[in-house]
């Protein structure tokens, strides 16, 4: 057994305590880092869940063609063309194509009571 002076013993104990404090700080900073990573992962999961509930993420189209709208409304394509010609339905033209915004059609259906 090695004899150590009281002064040296105190010095070694202080070094050990100092080392343990640093280890605690390292553990604490690693814990914070892991917590931040978990929070980021949870936040991104919330964003993904929110997006998946969005109508556009569930493969619902934002725009309809005449054929798609006729299927959506359960009317013939000729009926759609007649409503466009008489300006009874909201639509946009892109060159020769006639397109319909889904939101506009849904609000139009609510206001017309169909």
Protein backbone atom coordinates (compact mmCIF):
# COMPACT_ATOMS: atom_id res chain seq x y z
CA UNK A 1 0.00 0.00 0.00
CA UNK A 2 1.26 3.44 -0.99
CA UNK A 3 1.10 6.24 1.50
CA UNK A 4 -0.10 9.60 0.15
CA UNK A 5 0.17 12.87 1.97
CA UNK A 6 -3.03 14.61 2.97
CA UNK A 7 -2.28 17.53 0.61
CA UNK A 8 -1.71 15.19 -2.33
CA UNK A 9 -4.87 13.26 -1.45
CA UNK A 10 -6.92 16.49 -1.50
CA UNK A 11 -5.32 17.48 -4.80
CA UNK A 12 -6.19 14.10 -6.35
CA UNK A 13 -9.76 14.30 -5.05
CA UNK A 14 -10.13 17.77 -6.56
CA UNK A 15 -8.79 16.50 -9.90
CA UNK A 16 -11.21 13.56 -9.79
CA UNK A 17 -14.16 15.86 -8.97
CA UNK A 18 -13.12 18.25 -11.72
CA UNK A 19 -12.90 15.36 -14.19
CA UNK A 20 -16.33 14.06 -13.11
CA UNK A 21 -17.85 17.55 -13.52
CA UNK A 22 -16.47 17.74 -17.05
CA UNK A 23 -17.88 14.30 -17.78
CA UNK A 24 -21.27 15.46 -16.49
CA UNK A 25 -21.07 18.52 -18.75
CA UNK A 26 -20.22 16.32 -21.72
CA UNK A 27 -23.07 13.95 -20.87
CA UNK A 28 -25.42 16.90 -20.44
CA UNK A 29 -24.43 18.44 -23.78
CA UNK A 30 -24.80 15.05 -25.49
CA UNK A 31 -28.22 14.66 -23.90
CA UNK A 32 -29.23 18.10 -25.13
CA UNK A 33 -28.00 17.24 -28.62
CA UNK A 34 -30.00 14.02 -28.63
CA UNK A 35 -33.04 15.86 -27.32
CA UNK A 36 -32.72 18.50 -30.06
CA UNK A 37 -32.47 15.76 -32.67
CA UNK A 38 -35.56 14.06 -31.27
CA UNK A 39 -37.45 17.37 -31.23
CA UNK A 40 -36.48 18.03 -34.85
CA UNK A 41 -37.57 14.54 -35.82
CA UNK A 42 -40.89 14.99 -34.02
CA UNK A 43 -41.43 18.41 -35.65
CA UNK A 44 -40.71 17.01 -39.10
CA UNK A 45 -43.14 14.17 -38.41
CA UNK A 46 -45.84 16.70 -37.52
CA UNK A 47 -45.15 18.55 -40.79
CA UNK A 48 -45.39 15.29 -42.74
CA UNK A 49 -48.66 14.40 -41.01
CA UNK A 50 -50.06 17.85 -41.78
CA UNK A 51 -49.05 17.63 -45.42
CA UNK A 52 -50.49 14.14 -45.80
CA UNK A 53 -53.86 15.46 -44.59
CA UNK A 54 -53.77 18.16 -47.26
CA UNK A 55 -56.08 17.43 -50.18
CA UNK A 56 -53.30 17.92 -52.72
CA UNK A 57 -51.12 15.33 -50.98
CA UNK A 58 -53.91 12.75 -51.17
CA UNK A 59 -53.81 12.80 -54.99
CA UNK A 60 -56.82 15.08 -55.35
CA UNK A 61 -56.18 17.33 -58.30
CA UNK A 62 -56.22 21.09 -57.97
CA UNK A 63 -57.43 21.52 -61.56
CA UNK A 64 -59.96 19.64 -63.65
CA UNK A 65 -60.20 19.19 -67.39
CA UNK A 66 -63.63 19.18 -69.04
CA UNK A 67 -63.67 15.38 -69.00
CA UNK A 68 -62.64 15.19 -65.33
CA UNK A 69 -65.16 17.83 -64.30
CA UNK A 70 -67.96 16.08 -66.15
CA UNK A 71 -67.13 12.92 -64.21
CA UNK A 72 -66.86 14.90 -60.93
CA UNK A 73 -70.26 16.54 -61.47
CA UNK A 74 -71.88 13.49 -63.09
CA UNK A 75 -72.93 15.43 -66.18
CA UNK A 76 -71.99 15.12 -69.84
CA UNK A 77 -69.06 16.92 -71.40
CA UNK A 78 -71.51 18.73 -73.70
CA UNK A 79 -73.23 20.12 -70.59
CA UNK A 80 -69.88 21.44 -69.29
CA UNK A 81 -69.10 23.05 -72.67
CA UNK A 82 -72.56 24.66 -72.71
CA UNK A 83 -72.07 26.09 -69.19
CA UNK A 84 -68.67 27.47 -70.23
CA UNK A 85 -70.12 28.99 -73.39
CA UNK A 86 -72.89 30.65 -71.36
CA UNK A 87 -70.40 31.65 -68.61
CA UNK A 88 -72.39 29.81 -65.95
CA UNK A 89 -69.38 28.08 -64.41
CA UNK A 90 -65.97 29.42 -63.30
CA UNK A 91 -63.17 28.38 -65.64
CA UNK A 92 -59.80 29.45 -67.04
CA UNK A 93 -58.40 29.06 -70.52
CA UNK A 94 -54.83 28.03 -71.15
CA UNK A 95 -54.46 28.48 -74.88
CA UNK A 96 -57.17 26.18 -76.24
CA UNK A 97 -57.64 24.16 -73.06
CA UNK A 98 -60.47 24.84 -70.65
CA UNK A 99 -59.55 24.18 -67.02
CA UNK A 100 -61.42 24.44 -63.75
CA UNK A 101 -60.00 25.16 -60.29
CA UNK A 102 -61.27 22.58 -57.83
CA UNK A 103 -61.76 25.19 -55.08
CA UNK A 104 -63.70 27.46 -57.43
CA UNK A 105 -65.93 24.60 -58.52
CA UNK A 106 -66.58 23.54 -54.93
CA UNK A 107 -67.50 27.08 -53.87
CA UNK A 108 -69.59 27.50 -57.03
CA UNK A 109 -71.48 24.32 -56.12
CA UNK A 110 -72.16 25.68 -52.63
CA UNK A 111 -73.42 29.04 -53.89
CA UNK A 112 -75.63 27.59 -56.62
CA UNK A 113 -77.08 25.00 -54.27
CA UNK A 114 -76.38 22.03 -56.53
